[in-house]
Every structure is written in structure tokens, then in C-alpha cells.
Amino acid sequence: MRVATVFFPARRRDRLSAVAQGLARGIEMQGHQVDLIEARRDSDVKLSAYQYIAIGAEQTGLFGGKIPPHVTEFLQQAGAVSGKKSFAFLLPGPVASTKALANLMRAMEHEGMFIRFSEVVKSAGEAETVGKSLQI
């Protein structure tokens, strides 16, 4: 199965990239083909060809659980994502991480994506473990 792991870095690009790579490794261990996509660099990528999509972001701002604004813009221009099975993940922030994760999930659901699982992921190792256990 073709899987896209898309991540939206804000301040901690290296950390989020490492977590996304760990997730991709875990998913590949299940025998799936995974493409790693950094949304800011690959803004014109269409996700229509993927059967499963993992979306990762980090919380922006200390309060309110905000996510990067370009998440919504990217998903609106990503092609046919409605009905796609998906996974939402977020780097933990100082406060309101669960609210930020809920906002990420809301943005994905607004585009019609079917979220099967979500998680606040602290490290690349934890992300790899999550990737191995996802039911894709």
C-alpha cells in the first residue's frame, strides 16, 4: 500500500523531521511503500494516489493549541483526500498539546479524511513503534 507521511514544521523542523522519519520506518517495516513529504518544500504534491496518509505538525504558540496555518491550505490543494484513511500526530508542546492535536484532526476531517488514530509523539523511537503498530 502507498502511504504518505506529511509533516508541517514550524520552529522545531529537525525534531519533527526525525519523528516523521521514525514513523515512516515503522510503517515500512509492515511492508508498505512510504513517501516522506515536507509540506513547505513540497507544497504542490497531490495526495490522491495514496491509500493512507499520516499528517504531523507541531503546536505553534504557547496557548490555545494552534497548529501551523498552512496545514489547512496544503490539505485544500492536495487533491482528492476525502475518504482517505489517515493518522494525525503532533510533537508535544508546553501546554495544550491535546487541543492542538484536536485542531489538526479537525482540519483533516474538514477535508473529509477518515482519522483512524492520533497521537502526541515525543521521539523518533516512539514514532517508529507507533508506525509498526498502525493498522493500515
Protein backbone atom coordinates (compact mmCIF):
# COMPACT_ATOMS: atom_id res chain seq x y z
CA MET A 1 0.00 0.00 0.00
CA ARG A 2 1.23 3.54 -0.74
CA VAL A 3 1.50 5.72 2.34
CA ALA A 4 2.32 9.43 2.57
CA THR A 5 3.86 10.84 5.73
CA VAL A 6 3.40 14.61 5.52
CA PHE A 7 4.84 16.94 8.12
CA PHE A 8 4.45 20.67 8.75
CA PRO A 9 7.44 22.08 10.64
CA ALA A 10 7.25 25.43 12.38
CA ARG A 11 10.07 26.03 14.90
CA ARG A 12 11.49 22.55 15.50
CA ARG A 13 12.00 21.30 11.94
CA ASP A 14 14.78 18.82 12.77
CA ARG A 15 12.85 17.22 15.60
CA LEU A 16 9.61 16.91 13.62
CA SER A 17 11.54 15.58 10.62
CA ALA A 18 13.17 12.91 12.82
CA VAL A 19 9.77 11.90 14.22
CA ALA A 20 8.27 11.71 10.70
CA GLN A 21 11.21 9.57 9.55
CA GLY A 22 10.78 7.27 12.55
CA LEU A 23 7.10 6.88 11.74
CA ALA A 24 7.94 6.14 8.10
CA ARG A 25 10.47 3.46 9.16
CA GLY A 26 7.87 1.78 11.35
CA ILE A 27 5.29 1.78 8.55
CA GLU A 28 7.86 0.42 6.08
CA MET A 29 8.53 -2.47 8.48
CA GLN A 30 4.92 -3.51 7.84
CA GLY A 31 5.78 -3.83 4.13
CA HIS A 32 4.26 -0.57 2.86
CA GLN A 33 5.83 1.94 0.50
CA VAL A 34 6.20 5.29 2.31
CA ASP A 35 6.90 8.72 0.82
CA LEU A 36 8.10 11.40 3.25
CA ILE A 37 6.78 14.84 2.34
CA GLU A 38 7.78 18.13 3.96
CA ALA A 39 4.76 20.31 3.22
CA ARG A 40 6.57 23.65 2.96
CA ARG A 41 9.08 22.34 0.41
CA ASP A 42 6.69 20.04 -1.45
CA SER A 43 3.64 22.32 -1.42
CA ASP A 44 2.42 21.21 -4.86
CA VAL A 45 2.26 17.47 -4.03
CA LYS A 46 -1.06 15.75 -4.65
CA LEU A 47 -2.07 13.07 -2.15
CA SER A 48 -4.72 11.43 -4.34
CA ALA A 49 -2.52 8.43 -5.20
CA TYR A 50 -2.00 7.41 -1.57
CA GLN A 51 -4.24 4.95 0.25
CA TYR A 52 -3.14 6.07 3.75
CA ILE A 53 -1.93 9.50 4.86
CA ALA A 54 -0.12 10.41 8.08
CA ILE A 55 -0.14 14.12 8.90
CA GLY A 56 2.22 15.57 11.50
CA ALA A 57 2.64 19.05 12.89
CA GLU A 58 3.88 20.92 15.88
CA GLN A 59 2.00 23.30 18.09
CA THR A 60 2.50 26.99 17.31
CA GLY A 61 2.24 29.42 20.17
CA LEU A 62 2.20 28.60 23.86
CA PHE A 63 -1.53 28.80 24.44
CA GLY A 64 -4.65 27.87 22.53
CA GLY A 65 -3.42 24.71 20.86
CA LYS A 66 -2.77 26.31 17.48
CA ILE A 67 -1.27 24.47 14.52
CA PRO A 68 0.59 25.96 11.53
CA PRO A 69 -1.90 27.82 9.30
CA HIS A 70 -0.51 26.24 6.12
CA VAL A 71 -1.87 22.82 7.19
CA THR A 72 -5.36 23.82 6.06
CA GLU A 73 -4.08 25.45 2.85
CA PHE A 74 -1.99 22.40 1.93
CA LEU A 75 -4.85 19.95 2.50
CA GLN A 76 -7.24 22.06 0.42
CA GLN A 77 -4.83 21.89 -2.53
CA ALA A 78 -3.65 18.29 -2.03
CA GLY A 79 -6.09 16.66 -4.43
CA ALA A 80 -8.74 14.09 -3.55
CA VAL A 81 -8.15 13.30 0.14
CA SER A 82 -11.78 12.83 1.10
CA GLY A 83 -12.39 9.34 2.48
CA LYS A 84 -8.67 8.56 2.84
CA LYS A 85 -7.68 6.63 5.96
CA SER A 86 -5.30 8.74 7.99
CA PHE A 87 -3.25 9.22 11.14
CA ALA A 88 -2.65 12.54 12.94
CA PHE A 89 0.46 13.11 15.03
CA LEU A 90 1.84 16.07 16.90
CA LEU A 91 5.01 16.98 18.77
CA PRO A 92 4.25 17.80 22.40
CA GLY A 93 4.24 21.46 23.38
CA PRO A 94 4.48 23.12 26.77
CA VAL A 95 0.69 23.19 27.24
CA ALA A 96 -2.49 22.35 25.30
CA SER A 97 -0.96 19.58 23.15
CA THR A 98 -4.23 17.66 23.11
CA LYS A 99 -6.08 20.78 21.98
CA ALA A 100 -3.56 21.29 19.16
CA LEU A 101 -3.96 17.63 18.16
CA ALA A 102 -7.74 18.11 18.12
CA ASN A 103 -7.29 21.16 15.87
CA LEU A 104 -5.09 19.15 13.49
CA MET A 105 -7.69 16.39 13.38
CA ARG A 106 -10.44 18.95 12.77
CA ALA A 107 -8.51 20.36 9.78
CA MET A 108 -8.10 16.86 8.36
CA GLU A 109 -11.74 15.92 8.95
CA HIS A 110 -12.84 19.18 7.30
CA GLU A 111 -11.29 17.84 4.08
CA GLY A 112 -13.13 14.53 4.51
CA MET A 113 -10.22 12.45 5.79
CA PHE A 114 -11.08 9.44 7.96
CA ILE A 115 -8.82 9.53 11.03
CA ARG A 116 -8.18 6.04 12.33
CA PHE A 117 -5.71 7.01 15.06
CA SER A 118 -3.99 10.05 16.56
CA GLU A 119 -1.09 10.50 18.95
CA VAL A 120 1.18 13.06 20.58
CA VAL A 121 4.62 11.63 19.75
CA LYS A 122 7.69 12.62 21.77
CA SER A 123 10.58 10.99 19.89
CA ALA A 124 11.65 9.23 16.70
CA GLY A 125 11.86 5.92 18.57
CA GLU A 126 8.32 6.29 19.86
CA ALA A 127 7.19 7.23 16.34
CA GLU A 128 8.77 4.08 14.91
CA THR A 129 6.92 1.96 17.50
CA VAL A 130 3.65 3.71 16.60
CA GLY A 131 4.35 3.17 12.88
CA LYS A 132 4.85 -0.57 13.42
CA SER A 133 1.54 -0.85 15.25
CA LEU A 134 -0.68 1.24 12.95
CA GLN A 135 -3.46 -0.78 11.35
CA ILE A 136 -3.20 0.49 7.81
